[in-house]
């Protein structure tokens, strides 16, 4: 799979292998997850961010290869949601394998002439033939010249990168709390007196900044939301140094505007009511990212208790977000 079809520079970060169309707007995409990775969890676990990145790569692939969107056009994320499913048999080795399939249906497609300007996707993700997740998303497609006009001075990528705010120090918790190995992967400060956790954006991060961009990548915002939700339900050090926190079970988010590199961005969390049928200890958390007094990103997440991972029923975690929004970023 050519890297430019999935908007990646590093070939080892390309997880899609092939695609096939089935009738109108239906596709099967084959993917291969790595057997080792310095950032993502692999092997016996399902990393929600690796899942999300694999799904994200389907957007440019199908736009360019199936729908004729020119390379260089921009994809603008509007909403995204996923639900991790409970495997029929958790002991089945197939659900821990590297072979992944994404069964995709594209719908609600808007066209200008023969090219799409916006579309939605619904997909089921299987691992070793076993369904492991469902996801839904919507994004817009913008011609390069229109995007550059919209972004104004921010369209100059080297300048935008050079104006990035310094990464706040020190690192507030051990990275294992968020199922990560490096302190460079901790994306939030400790909460301040107002409950704000400030985004830690390192523009040399090899996964989030695989290539230079003019804004904070959408995938970094997803991981920040994951970390905010994991941290919201636990004491600073719940069971000793480096003990992993909760697991993410579902996410539903809206990208409302770009998060810029040149200004601090704060994340706030709020605990939400949990359905009576929820597994004991599961939590629902609302997360919002605020930059220059404007809400740029919102999310709702379901997490397990740190010591007792379980999987939610379909009743307690929804997959899909109502309404469209503007200003997200796919990079």
C-alpha atoms as a PDB file:
ATOM      1  CA  UNK A   1       0.000   0.000   0.000  1.00  0.00           C
ATOM      2  CA  UNK A   2       1.587   3.345  -1.026  1.00  0.00           C
ATOM      3  CA  UNK A   3       2.170   5.584   1.990  1.00  0.00           C
ATOM      4  CA  UNK A   4       0.629   8.610   0.290  1.00  0.00           C
ATOM      5  CA  UNK A   5      -2.685   6.769  -0.050  1.00  0.00           C
ATOM      6  CA  UNK A   6      -3.021   6.741   3.746  1.00  0.00           C
ATOM      7  CA  UNK A   7      -1.236  10.070   4.365  1.00  0.00           C
ATOM      8  CA  UNK A   8       1.830   8.525   6.012  1.00  0.00           C
ATOM      9  CA  UNK A   9       5.547   9.064   5.394  1.00  0.00           C
ATOM     10  CA  UNK A  10       6.922   6.130   7.389  1.00  0.00           C
ATOM     11  CA  UNK A  11       6.132   2.875   5.564  1.00  0.00           C
ATOM     12  CA  UNK A  12       6.184   0.907   8.836  1.00  0.00           C
ATOM     13  CA  UNK A  13       3.214   2.987  10.043  1.00  0.00           C
ATOM     14  CA  UNK A  14       1.024   1.855   7.118  1.00  0.00           C
ATOM     15  CA  UNK A  15      -1.298  -0.897   8.383  1.00  0.00           C
ATOM     16  CA  UNK A  16      -3.610  -1.330   5.392  1.00  0.00           C
ATOM     17  CA  UNK A  17      -2.615  -3.931   2.797  1.00  0.00           C
ATOM     18  CA  UNK A  18      -5.364  -4.164   0.167  1.00  0.00           C
ATOM     19  CA  UNK A  19      -8.951  -3.223  -0.573  1.00  0.00           C
ATOM     20  CA  UNK A  20     -11.849  -4.654  -2.562  1.00  0.00           C
ATOM     21  CA  UNK A  21     -15.142  -3.066  -3.561  1.00  0.00           C
ATOM     22  CA  UNK A  22     -18.411  -4.983  -3.190  1.00  0.00           C
ATOM     23  CA  UNK A  23     -21.290  -3.321  -4.968  1.00  0.00           C
ATOM     24  CA  UNK A  24     -22.002   0.364  -4.546  1.00  0.00           C
ATOM     25  CA  UNK A  25     -20.122   2.013  -1.668  1.00  0.00           C
ATOM     26  CA  UNK A  26     -19.268  -1.235   0.156  1.00  0.00           C
ATOM     27  CA  UNK A  27     -15.649  -2.262   0.727  1.00  0.00           C
ATOM     28  CA  UNK A  28     -13.471  -4.792   2.489  1.00  0.00           C
ATOM     29  CA  UNK A  29     -10.029  -3.620   3.562  1.00  0.00           C
ATOM     30  CA  UNK A  30      -7.322  -5.991   4.759  1.00  0.00           C
ATOM     31  CA  UNK A  31      -4.888  -4.749   7.402  1.00  0.00           C
ATOM     32  CA  UNK A  32      -1.915  -6.195   9.281  1.00  0.00           C
ATOM     33  CA  UNK A  33      -1.034  -5.027  12.758  1.00  0.00           C
ATOM     34  CA  UNK A  34       2.610  -5.070  13.867  1.00  0.00           C
ATOM     35  CA  UNK A  35       3.936  -7.821  16.117  1.00  0.00           C
ATOM     36  CA  UNK A  36       5.903  -5.169  18.059  1.00  0.00           C
ATOM     37  CA  UNK A  37       5.696  -1.390  18.269  1.00  0.00           C
ATOM     38  CA  UNK A  38       7.401   1.285  20.419  1.00  0.00           C
ATOM     39  CA  UNK A  39       4.131   3.168  20.991  1.00  0.00           C
ATOM     40  CA  UNK A  40       1.043   1.023  20.376  1.00  0.00           C
ATOM     41  CA  UNK A  41       0.132  -2.016  22.439  1.00  0.00           C
ATOM     42  CA  UNK A  42       0.069  -5.133  20.287  1.00  0.00           C
ATOM     43  CA  UNK A  43      -0.171  -8.930  20.583  1.00  0.00           C
ATOM     44  CA  UNK A  44      -2.621  -9.916  23.344  1.00  0.00           C
ATOM     45  CA  UNK A  45      -4.280  -6.524  23.735  1.00  0.00           C
ATOM     46  CA  UNK A  46      -6.425  -4.259  21.579  1.00  0.00           C
ATOM     47  CA  UNK A  47      -5.058  -0.745  21.689  1.00  0.00           C
ATOM     48  CA  UNK A  48      -7.946   1.691  21.026  1.00  0.00           C
ATOM     49  CA  UNK A  49      -5.590   4.158  19.378  1.00  0.00           C
ATOM     50  CA  UNK A  50      -4.113   1.546  17.028  1.00  0.00           C
ATOM     51  CA  UNK A  51      -7.692   0.613  16.184  1.00  0.00           C
ATOM     52  CA  UNK A  52      -8.501   4.282  15.544  1.00  0.00           C
ATOM     53  CA  UNK A  53      -5.397   4.829  13.412  1.00  0.00           C
ATOM     54  CA  UNK A  54      -6.204   1.766  11.308  1.00  0.00           C
ATOM     55  CA  UNK A  55      -9.717   3.098  10.787  1.00  0.00           C
ATOM     56  CA  UNK A  56      -8.371   6.592   9.995  1.00  0.00           C
ATOM     57  CA  UNK A  57      -6.184   5.181   7.234  1.00  0.00           C
ATOM     58  CA  UNK A  58      -9.292   3.912   5.435  1.00  0.00           C
ATOM     59  CA  UNK A  59     -10.512   7.490   4.902  1.00  0.00           C
ATOM     60  CA  UNK A  60      -7.774   8.699   2.529  1.00  0.00           C
ATOM     61  CA  UNK A  61      -7.391   5.240   0.983  1.00  0.00           C
ATOM     62  CA  UNK A  62     -10.999   5.035  -0.178  1.00  0.00           C
ATOM     63  CA  UNK A  63     -11.179   8.733  -1.059  1.00  0.00           C
ATOM     64  CA  UNK A  64      -8.140   8.531  -3.345  1.00  0.00           C
ATOM     65  CA  UNK A  65      -8.418   4.968  -4.664  1.00  0.00           C
ATOM     66  CA  UNK A  66     -12.189   4.449  -4.877  1.00  0.00           C
ATOM     67  CA  UNK A  67     -13.693   7.931  -5.207  1.00  0.00           C
ATOM     68  CA  UNK A  68     -11.072   9.808  -7.243  1.00  0.00           C
ATOM     69  CA  UNK A  69     -10.171  12.503  -4.708  1.00  0.00           C
ATOM     70  CA  UNK A  70      -6.871  14.074  -5.853  1.00  0.00           C
ATOM     71  CA  UNK A  71      -3.792  13.604  -3.719  1.00  0.00           C
ATOM     72  CA  UNK A  72      -3.182  16.836  -1.839  1.00  0.00           C
ATOM     73  CA  UNK A  73      -6.830  17.509  -1.064  1.00  0.00           C
ATOM     74  CA  UNK A  74      -7.549  17.748   2.655  1.00  0.00           C
ATOM     75  CA  UNK A  75      -9.855  15.549   4.714  1.00  0.00           C
ATOM     76  CA  UNK A  76     -11.543  17.448   7.538  1.00  0.00           C
ATOM     77  CA  UNK A  77     -12.710  15.255  10.424  1.00  0.00           C
ATOM     78  CA  UNK A  78     -16.154  16.109  11.784  1.00  0.00           C
ATOM     79  CA  UNK A  79     -17.085  13.225  14.076  1.00  0.00           C
ATOM     80  CA  UNK A  80     -15.854   9.776  15.058  1.00  0.00           C
ATOM     81  CA  UNK A  81     -17.021   7.005  17.356  1.00  0.00           C
ATOM     82  CA  UNK A  82     -16.079   3.425  18.138  1.00  0.00           C
ATOM     83  CA  UNK A  83     -17.276   0.619  20.379  1.00  0.00           C
ATOM     84  CA  UNK A  84     -14.989  -2.245  21.361  1.00  0.00           C
ATOM     85  CA  UNK A  85     -16.921  -5.514  21.333  1.00  0.00           C
ATOM     86  CA  UNK A  86     -16.638  -8.422  23.714  1.00  0.00           C
ATOM     87  CA  UNK A  87     -15.196 -11.460  21.880  1.00  0.00           C
ATOM     88  CA  UNK A  88     -17.330 -14.587  21.869  1.00  0.00           C
ATOM     89  CA  UNK A  89     -14.453 -16.514  23.437  1.00  0.00           C
ATOM     90  CA  UNK A  90     -11.738 -14.343  25.003  1.00  0.00           C
ATOM     91  CA  UNK A  91      -9.405 -17.355  25.082  1.00  0.00           C
ATOM     92  CA  UNK A  92      -9.606 -17.706  21.286  1.00  0.00           C
ATOM     93  CA  UNK A  93      -6.115 -16.979  19.945  1.00  0.00           C
ATOM     94  CA  UNK A  94      -7.616 -15.596  16.701  1.00  0.00           C
ATOM     95  CA  UNK A  95      -8.826 -12.424  18.446  1.00  0.00           C
ATOM     96  CA  UNK A  96      -5.222 -11.712  19.424  1.00  0.00           C
ATOM     97  CA  UNK A  97      -3.838 -12.130  15.908  1.00  0.00           C
ATOM     98  CA  UNK A  98      -2.327  -9.581  13.545  1.00  0.00           C
ATOM     99  CA  UNK A  99      -4.759 -10.077  10.639  1.00  0.00           C
ATOM    100  CA  UNK A 100      -7.476  -7.420  10.640  1.00  0.00           C
ATOM    101  CA  UNK A 101     -10.352  -6.761   8.245  1.00  0.00           C
ATOM    102  CA  UNK A 102     -12.493  -3.645   7.997  1.00  0.00           C
ATOM    103  CA  UNK A 103     -15.920  -4.052   6.425  1.00  0.00           C
ATOM    104  CA  UNK A 104     -16.926  -0.542   5.354  1.00  0.00           C
ATOM    105  CA  UNK A 105     -20.137   1.017   4.081  1.00  0.00           C
ATOM    106  CA  UNK A 106     -19.949   4.600   2.808  1.00  0.00           C
ATOM    107  CA  UNK A 107     -23.179   6.615   2.877  1.00  0.00           C
ATOM    108  CA  UNK A 108     -24.634  10.129   2.992  1.00  0.00           C
ATOM    109  CA  UNK A 109     -22.134  11.156   0.300  1.00  0.00           C
ATOM    110  CA  UNK A 110     -22.212  14.744  -0.981  1.00  0.00           C
ATOM    111  CA  UNK A 111     -20.746  15.434  -4.416  1.00  0.00           C
ATOM    112  CA  UNK A 112     -19.539  18.415  -6.387  1.00  0.00           C
ATOM    113  CA  UNK A 113     -19.515  17.117  -9.907  1.00  0.00           C
ATOM    114  CA  UNK A 114     -18.088  13.599  -9.786  1.00  0.00           C
ATOM    115  CA  UNK A 115     -16.005  14.057  -6.638  1.00  0.00           C
ATOM    116  CA  UNK A 116     -17.202  13.744  -3.041  1.00  0.00           C
ATOM    117  CA  UNK A 117     -17.117  16.761  -0.756  1.00  0.00           C
ATOM    118  CA  UNK A 118     -18.247  14.896   2.373  1.00  0.00           C
ATOM    119  CA  UNK A 119     -19.094  11.344   3.341  1.00  0.00           C
ATOM    120  CA  UNK A 120     -19.905   9.103   6.272  1.00  0.00           C
ATOM    121  CA  UNK A 121     -18.617   5.597   6.973  1.00  0.00           C
ATOM    122  CA  UNK A 122     -19.912   2.758   9.087  1.00  0.00           C
ATOM    123  CA  UNK A 123     -17.660  -0.218   9.647  1.00  0.00           C
ATOM    124  CA  UNK A 124     -17.158  -3.454  11.510  1.00  0.00           C
ATOM    125  CA  UNK A 125     -13.589  -4.423  12.381  1.00  0.00           C
ATOM    126  CA  UNK A 126     -12.645  -8.087  12.700  1.00  0.00           C
ATOM    127  CA  UNK A 127      -9.475  -9.656  14.075  1.00  0.00           C
ATOM    128  CA  UNK A 128      -8.810 -13.234  13.081  1.00  0.00           C
ATOM    129  CA  UNK A 129     -12.331 -13.282  11.645  1.00  0.00           C
ATOM    130  CA  UNK A 130     -13.923 -12.297  14.971  1.00  0.00           C
ATOM    131  CA  UNK A 131     -15.722  -8.910  15.251  1.00  0.00           C
ATOM    132  CA  UNK A 132     -13.797  -6.772  17.753  1.00  0.00           C
ATOM    133  CA  UNK A 133     -15.134  -3.247  17.144  1.00  0.00           C
ATOM    134  CA  UNK A 134     -17.663  -1.100  15.340  1.00  0.00           C
ATOM    135  CA  UNK A 135     -17.060   2.466  14.252  1.00  0.00           C
ATOM    136  CA  UNK A 136     -18.775   5.397  12.568  1.00  0.00           C
ATOM    137  CA  UNK A 137     -17.334   8.622  11.198  1.00  0.00           C
ATOM    138  CA  UNK A 138     -17.978  11.618   8.993  1.00  0.00           C
ATOM    139  CA  UNK A 139     -15.514  13.947   7.314  1.00  0.00           C
ATOM    140  CA  UNK A 140     -15.421  16.618   4.632  1.00  0.00           C
ATOM    141  CA  UNK A 141     -13.128  16.757   1.596  1.00  0.00           C
ATOM    142  CA  UNK A 142     -11.586  20.110   0.718  1.00  0.00           C
ATOM    143  CA  UNK A 143      -9.538  21.072  -2.333  1.00  0.00           C
ATOM    144  CA  UNK A 144      -5.982  22.095  -1.483  1.00  0.00           C
ATOM    145  CA  UNK A 145      -6.387  25.692  -2.698  1.00  0.00           C
ATOM    146  CA  UNK A 146      -9.584  26.107  -0.672  1.00  0.00           C
ATOM    147  CA  UNK A 147      -7.924  24.689   2.422  1.00  0.00           C
ATOM    148  CA  UNK A 148      -4.979  27.056   2.087  1.00  0.00           C
ATOM    149  CA  UNK A 149      -7.331  30.004   1.756  1.00  0.00           C
ATOM    150  CA  UNK A 150      -9.301  28.858   4.795  1.00  0.00           C
ATOM    151  CA  UNK A 151      -6.199  28.400   6.950  1.00  0.00           C
ATOM    152  CA  UNK A 152      -4.599  31.698   5.971  1.00  0.00           C
ATOM    153  CA  UNK A 153      -1.214  32.175   7.639  1.00  0.00           C
ATOM    154  CA  UNK A 154      -1.533  28.774   9.331  1.00  0.00           C
ATOM    155  CA  UNK A 155      -1.312  27.073   5.926  1.00  0.00           C
ATOM    156  CA  UNK A 156       2.462  27.671   6.011  1.00  0.00           C
ATOM    157  CA  UNK A 157       3.402  24.371   7.653  1.00  0.00           C
ATOM    158  CA  UNK A 158       7.071  25.115   8.543  1.00  0.00           C
ATOM    159  CA  UNK A 159       6.026  28.374  10.174  1.00  0.00           C
ATOM    160  CA  UNK A 160       3.166  26.706  12.075  1.00  0.00           C
ATOM    161  CA  UNK A 161       5.516  23.979  13.347  1.00  0.00           C
ATOM    162  CA  UNK A 162       8.157  26.507  14.385  1.00  0.00           C
ATOM    163  CA  UNK A 163       5.599  28.423  16.475  1.00  0.00           C
ATOM    164  CA  UNK A 164       4.537  25.404  18.532  1.00  0.00           C
ATOM    165  CA  UNK A 165       4.371  26.147  22.255  1.00  0.00           C
ATOM    166  CA  UNK A 166       7.007  24.408  24.430  1.00  0.00           C
ATOM    167  CA  UNK A 167       6.001  21.058  25.919  1.00  0.00           C
ATOM    168  CA  UNK A 168       4.987  21.558  29.582  1.00  0.00           C
ATOM    169  CA  UNK A 169       7.294  19.901  32.126  1.00  0.00           C
ATOM    170  CA  UNK A 170       7.583  17.839  34.238  1.00  0.00           C
ATOM    171  CA  UNK A 171       5.712  14.700  33.197  1.00  0.00           C
ATOM    172  CA  UNK A 172       2.928  14.353  35.807  1.00  0.00           C
ATOM    173  CA  UNK A 173       2.539  10.533  35.973  1.00  0.00           C
ATOM    174  CA  UNK A 174       4.305   7.417  34.816  1.00  0.00           C
ATOM    175  CA  UNK A 175       3.412   6.481  31.216  1.00  0.00           C
ATOM    176  CA  UNK A 176       2.318   2.955  32.211  1.00  0.00           C
ATOM    177  CA  UNK A 177      -0.724   4.600  33.777  1.00  0.00           C
ATOM    178  CA  UNK A 178      -1.923   5.192  30.216  1.00  0.00           C
ATOM    179  CA  UNK A 179      -0.570   1.898  28.835  1.00  0.00           C
ATOM    180  CA  UNK A 180       2.418   3.662  27.261  1.00  0.00           C
ATOM    181  CA  UNK A 181       6.154   3.053  27.588  1.00  0.00           C
ATOM    182  CA  UNK A 182       7.718   6.508  27.265  1.00  0.00           C
ATOM    183  CA  UNK A 183       7.273   9.786  29.122  1.00  0.00           C
ATOM    184  CA  UNK A 184       7.093  11.427  25.677  1.00  0.00           C
ATOM    185  CA  UNK A 185       3.736   9.646  25.237  1.00  0.00           C
ATOM    186  CA  UNK A 186       2.081  11.378  28.222  1.00  0.00           C
ATOM    187  CA  UNK A 187      -0.040  14.083  26.605  1.00  0.00           C
ATOM    188  CA  UNK A 188      -1.494  15.964  29.595  1.00  0.00           C
ATOM    189  CA  UNK A 189      -0.234  17.880  32.589  1.00  0.00           C
ATOM    190  CA  UNK A 190      -1.572  17.276  36.086  1.00  0.00           C
ATOM    191  CA  UNK A 191      -4.851  19.169  36.708  1.00  0.00           C
ATOM    192  CA  UNK A 192      -4.423  22.747  37.895  1.00  0.00           C
ATOM    193  CA  UNK A 193      -6.612  24.505  40.471  1.00  0.00           C
ATOM    194  CA  UNK A 194      -9.357  24.982  37.865  1.00  0.00           C
ATOM    195  CA  UNK A 195      -9.267  21.333  36.775  1.00  0.00           C
ATOM    196  CA  UNK A 196      -7.519  22.127  33.487  1.00  0.00           C
ATOM    197  CA  UNK A 197      -5.018  19.632  32.098  1.00  0.00           C
ATOM    198  CA  UNK A 198      -2.815  21.283  29.506  1.00  0.00           C
ATOM    199  CA  UNK A 199      -2.016  19.510  26.275  1.00  0.00           C
ATOM    200  CA  UNK A 200       1.607  18.390  25.880  1.00  0.00           C
ATOM    201  CA  UNK A 201       2.330  18.541  22.127  1.00  0.00           C
ATOM    202  CA  UNK A 202       5.799  17.400  21.075  1.00  0.00           C
ATOM    203  CA  UNK A 203       6.116  18.045  17.345  1.00  0.00           C
ATOM    204  CA  UNK A 204       8.960  15.520  17.113  1.00  0.00           C
ATOM    205  CA  UNK A 205       6.768  12.626  18.267  1.00  0.00           C
ATOM    206  CA  UNK A 206       7.343   9.923  15.605  1.00  0.00           C
ATOM    207  CA  UNK A 207       3.749   8.613  15.586  1.00  0.00           C
ATOM    208  CA  UNK A 208       1.631  11.764  15.911  1.00  0.00           C
ATOM    209  CA  UNK A 209       3.948  13.821  13.682  1.00  0.00           C
ATOM    210  CA  UNK A 210       4.868  11.256  11.054  1.00  0.00           C
ATOM    211  CA  UNK A 211       5.012  14.275   8.745  1.00  0.00           C
ATOM    212  CA  UNK A 212       4.822  18.050   9.369  1.00  0.00           C
ATOM    213  CA  UNK A 213       1.320  19.492   9.751  1.00  0.00           C
ATOM    214  CA  UNK A 214      -0.145  22.935  10.444  1.00  0.00           C
ATOM    215  CA  UNK A 215      -2.266  21.983  13.497  1.00  0.00           C
ATOM    216  CA  UNK A 216      -2.535  19.492  16.340  1.00  0.00           C
ATOM    217  CA  UNK A 217      -3.382  16.141  14.685  1.00  0.00           C
ATOM    218  CA  UNK A 218      -6.771  14.569  15.328  1.00  0.00           C
ATOM    219  CA  UNK A 219      -5.133  11.326  16.449  1.00  0.00           C
ATOM    220  CA  UNK A 220      -3.262  13.202  19.185  1.00  0.00           C
ATOM    221  CA  UNK A 221      -6.580  14.616  20.416  1.00  0.00           C
ATOM    222  CA  UNK A 222      -8.050  11.099  20.555  1.00  0.00           C
ATOM    223  CA  UNK A 223      -5.136   9.861  22.674  1.00  0.00           C
ATOM    224  CA  UNK A 224      -5.393  12.914  24.917  1.00  0.00           C
ATOM    225  CA  UNK A 225      -9.096  12.156  25.436  1.00  0.00           C
ATOM    226  CA  UNK A 226      -8.213   8.529  26.248  1.00  0.00           C
ATOM    227  CA  UNK A 227      -5.661   9.661  28.823  1.00  0.00           C
ATOM    228  CA  UNK A 228      -8.005  12.249  30.329  1.00  0.00           C
ATOM    229  CA  UNK A 229     -10.748   9.633  30.780  1.00  0.00           C
ATOM    230  CA  UNK A 230      -8.337   7.082  32.267  1.00  0.00           C
ATOM    231  CA  UNK A 231      -7.013   9.656  34.700  1.00  0.00           C
ATOM    232  CA  UNK A 232     -10.434  11.028  35.664  1.00  0.00           C
ATOM    233  CA  UNK A 233     -11.486   7.946  37.615  1.00  0.00           C
ATOM    234  CA  UNK A 234      -8.345   7.270  39.642  1.00  0.00           C
ATOM    235  CA  UNK A 235      -6.146   8.757  42.299  1.00  0.00           C
ATOM    236  CA  UNK A 236      -2.777  10.052  41.014  1.00  0.00           C
ATOM    237  CA  UNK A 237      -1.113   6.718  41.779  1.00  0.00           C
ATOM    238  CA  UNK A 238      -3.950   4.176  42.221  1.00  0.00           C
ATOM    239  CA  UNK A 239      -1.986   1.050  43.097  1.00  0.00           C
ATOM    240  CA  UNK A 240       1.680   1.869  43.100  1.00  0.00           C
ATOM    241  CA  UNK A 241       4.108   3.374  40.595  1.00  0.00           C
ATOM    242  CA  UNK A 242       3.481   2.454  36.995  1.00  0.00           C
ATOM    243  CA  UNK A 243       0.295   0.431  37.543  1.00  0.00           C
ATOM    244  CA  UNK A 244      -1.861   0.626  34.394  1.00  0.00           C
ATOM    245  CA  UNK A 245      -5.128   2.506  34.606  1.00  0.00           C
ATOM    246  CA  UNK A 246      -8.543   1.799  33.145  1.00  0.00           C
ATOM    247  CA  UNK A 247      -9.231   0.449  29.665  1.00  0.00           C
ATOM    248  CA  UNK A 248     -11.148   2.444  27.064  1.00  0.00           C
ATOM    249  CA  UNK A 249     -14.332   0.701  25.937  1.00  0.00           C
ATOM    250  CA  UNK A 250     -15.966   3.317  23.714  1.00  0.00           C
ATOM    251  CA  UNK A 251     -15.546   6.837  22.422  1.00  0.00           C
ATOM    252  CA  UNK A 252     -17.782   9.302  20.600  1.00  0.00           C
ATOM    253  CA  UNK A 253     -16.287  12.670  19.657  1.00  0.00           C
ATOM    254  CA  UNK A 254     -16.812  15.834  17.621  1.00  0.00           C
ATOM    255  CA  UNK A 255     -14.073  17.951  16.052  1.00  0.00           C
ATOM    256  CA  UNK A 256     -15.387  21.513  16.202  1.00  0.00           C
ATOM    257  CA  UNK A 257     -12.378  23.581  15.128  1.00  0.00           C
ATOM    258  CA  UNK A 258      -8.646  23.215  14.609  1.00  0.00           C
ATOM    259  CA  UNK A 259      -6.430  23.044  17.669  1.00  0.00           C
ATOM    260  CA  UNK A 260      -3.496  25.258  16.777  1.00  0.00           C
ATOM    261  CA  UNK A 261       0.132  24.584  17.649  1.00  0.00           C
ATOM    262  CA  UNK A 262       0.950  28.133  18.720  1.00  0.00           C
ATOM    263  CA  UNK A 263      -1.391  28.436  21.694  1.00  0.00           C
ATOM    264  CA  UNK A 264      -1.931  26.369  24.882  1.00  0.00           C
ATOM    265  CA  UNK A 265      -4.954  24.051  24.914  1.00  0.00           C
ATOM    266  CA  UNK A 266      -6.668  22.835  28.098  1.00  0.00           C
ATOM    267  CA  UNK A 267      -8.685  19.639  28.563  1.00  0.00           C
ATOM    268  CA  UNK A 268     -11.469  19.422  31.137  1.00  0.00           C
ATOM    269  CA  UNK A 269     -13.281  16.282  32.296  1.00  0.00           C
ATOM    270  CA  UNK A 270     -16.701  15.697  33.831  1.00  0.00           C
ATOM    271  CA  UNK A 271     -18.110  12.444  35.180  1.00  0.00           C
ATOM    272  CA  UNK A 272     -21.387  11.426  33.526  1.00  0.00           C
ATOM    273  CA  UNK A 273     -24.187   9.188  34.872  1.00  0.00           C
ATOM    274  CA  UNK A 274     -23.717   5.486  34.131  1.00  0.00           C
ATOM    275  CA  UNK A 275     -26.582   3.289  32.936  1.00  0.00           C
ATOM    276  CA  UNK A 276     -27.859   0.894  35.584  1.00  0.00           C
ATOM    277  CA  UNK A 277     -26.923  -2.065  33.374  1.00  0.00           C
ATOM    278  CA  UNK A 278     -23.261  -1.011  33.223  1.00  0.00           C
ATOM    279  CA  UNK A 279     -20.634  -3.380  34.537  1.00  0.00           C
ATOM    280  CA  UNK A 280     -19.536  -2.636  38.076  1.00  0.00           C
ATOM    281  CA  UNK A 281     -16.883   0.065  38.117  1.00  0.00           C
ATOM    282  CA  UNK A 282     -17.368   1.218  34.532  1.00  0.00           C
ATOM    283  CA  UNK A 283     -17.397   4.993  34.134  1.00  0.00           C
ATOM    284  CA  UNK A 284     -18.565   7.550  31.588  1.00  0.00           C
ATOM    285  CA  UNK A 285     -16.513  10.700  31.176  1.00  0.00           C
ATOM    286  CA  UNK A 286     -17.047  13.843  29.119  1.00  0.00           C
ATOM    287  CA  UNK A 287     -13.920  15.555  27.818  1.00  0.00           C
ATOM    288  CA  UNK A 288     -13.640  18.950  26.159  1.00  0.00           C
ATOM    289  CA  UNK A 289     -10.617  20.739  24.740  1.00  0.00           C
ATOM    290  CA  UNK A 290     -10.620  24.530  25.029  1.00  0.00           C
ATOM    291  CA  UNK A 291      -8.202  26.849  23.244  1.00  0.00           C
ATOM    292  CA  UNK A 292      -8.363  30.645  23.409  1.00  0.00           C
ATOM    293  CA  UNK A 293     -11.727  30.352  25.240  1.00  0.00           C
ATOM    294  CA  UNK A 294     -13.280  28.345  22.391  1.00  0.00           C
ATOM    295  CA  UNK A 295     -14.297  24.682  22.561  1.00  0.00           C
ATOM    296  CA  UNK A 296     -12.368  22.885  19.837  1.00  0.00           C
ATOM    297  CA  UNK A 297     -13.083  19.208  20.582  1.00  0.00           C
ATOM    298  CA  UNK A 298     -15.550  17.224  22.694  1.00  0.00           C
ATOM    299  CA  UNK A 299     -15.767  13.529  23.528  1.00  0.00           C
ATOM    300  CA  UNK A 300     -17.648  11.047  25.672  1.00  0.00           C
ATOM    301  CA  UNK A 301     -15.840   7.872  26.723  1.00  0.00           C
ATOM    302  CA  UNK A 302     -16.654   4.694  28.622  1.00  0.00           C
ATOM    303  CA  UNK A 303     -13.872   3.143  30.681  1.00  0.00           C
ATOM    304  CA  UNK A 304     -13.443   0.170  32.972  1.00  0.00           C
ATOM    305  CA  UNK A 305     -12.363   0.298  36.575  1.00  0.00           C
ATOM    306  CA  UNK A 306      -8.529   0.195  36.682  1.00  0.00           C
ATOM    307  CA  UNK A 307      -8.412  -3.218  38.350  1.00  0.00           C
ATOM    308  CA  UNK A 308     -11.280  -5.003  36.633  1.00  0.00           C
ATOM    309  CA  UNK A 309     -11.396  -4.668  32.818  1.00  0.00           C
ATOM    310  CA  UNK A 310     -14.745  -5.653  31.328  1.00  0.00           C
ATOM    311  CA  UNK A 311     -16.600  -4.888  28.128  1.00  0.00           C
ATOM    312  CA  UNK A 312     -19.800  -2.799  27.956  1.00  0.00           C
ATOM    313  CA  UNK A 313     -23.089  -3.987  26.572  1.00  0.00           C
ATOM    314  CA  UNK A 314     -24.380  -2.231  23.482  1.00  0.00           C
ATOM    315  CA  UNK A 315     -26.909  -0.501  25.727  1.00  0.00           C
ATOM    316  CA  UNK A 316     -24.304   1.316  27.800  1.00  0.00           C
ATOM    317  CA  UNK A 317     -21.934   2.469  25.046  1.00  0.00           C
ATOM    318  CA  UNK A 318     -23.232   3.979  21.836  1.00  0.00           C
ATOM    319  CA  UNK A 319     -21.443   3.973  18.526  1.00  0.00           C
ATOM    320  CA  UNK A 320     -22.400   7.053  16.561  1.00  0.00           C
ATOM    321  CA  UNK A 321     -22.690  10.770  17.182  1.00  0.00           C
ATOM    322  CA  UNK A 322     -25.634  12.945  16.327  1.00  0.00           C
ATOM    323  CA  UNK A 323     -25.171  16.024  14.222  1.00  0.00           C
ATOM    324  CA  UNK A 324     -22.277  17.316  12.180  1.00  0.00           C
ATOM    325  CA  UNK A 325     -19.623  19.746  13.261  1.00  0.00           C
ATOM    326  CA  UNK A 326     -16.815  21.623  11.639  1.00  0.00           C
ATOM    327  CA  UNK A 327     -13.122  22.158  11.902  1.00  0.00           C
ATOM    328  CA  UNK A 328     -11.575  18.840  12.795  1.00  0.00           C
ATOM    329  CA  UNK A 329      -8.340  17.624  11.316  1.00  0.00           C
ATOM    330  CA  UNK A 330      -7.172  14.464   9.623  1.00  0.00           C
ATOM    331  CA  UNK A 331      -3.434  14.263   9.102  1.00  0.00           C
END
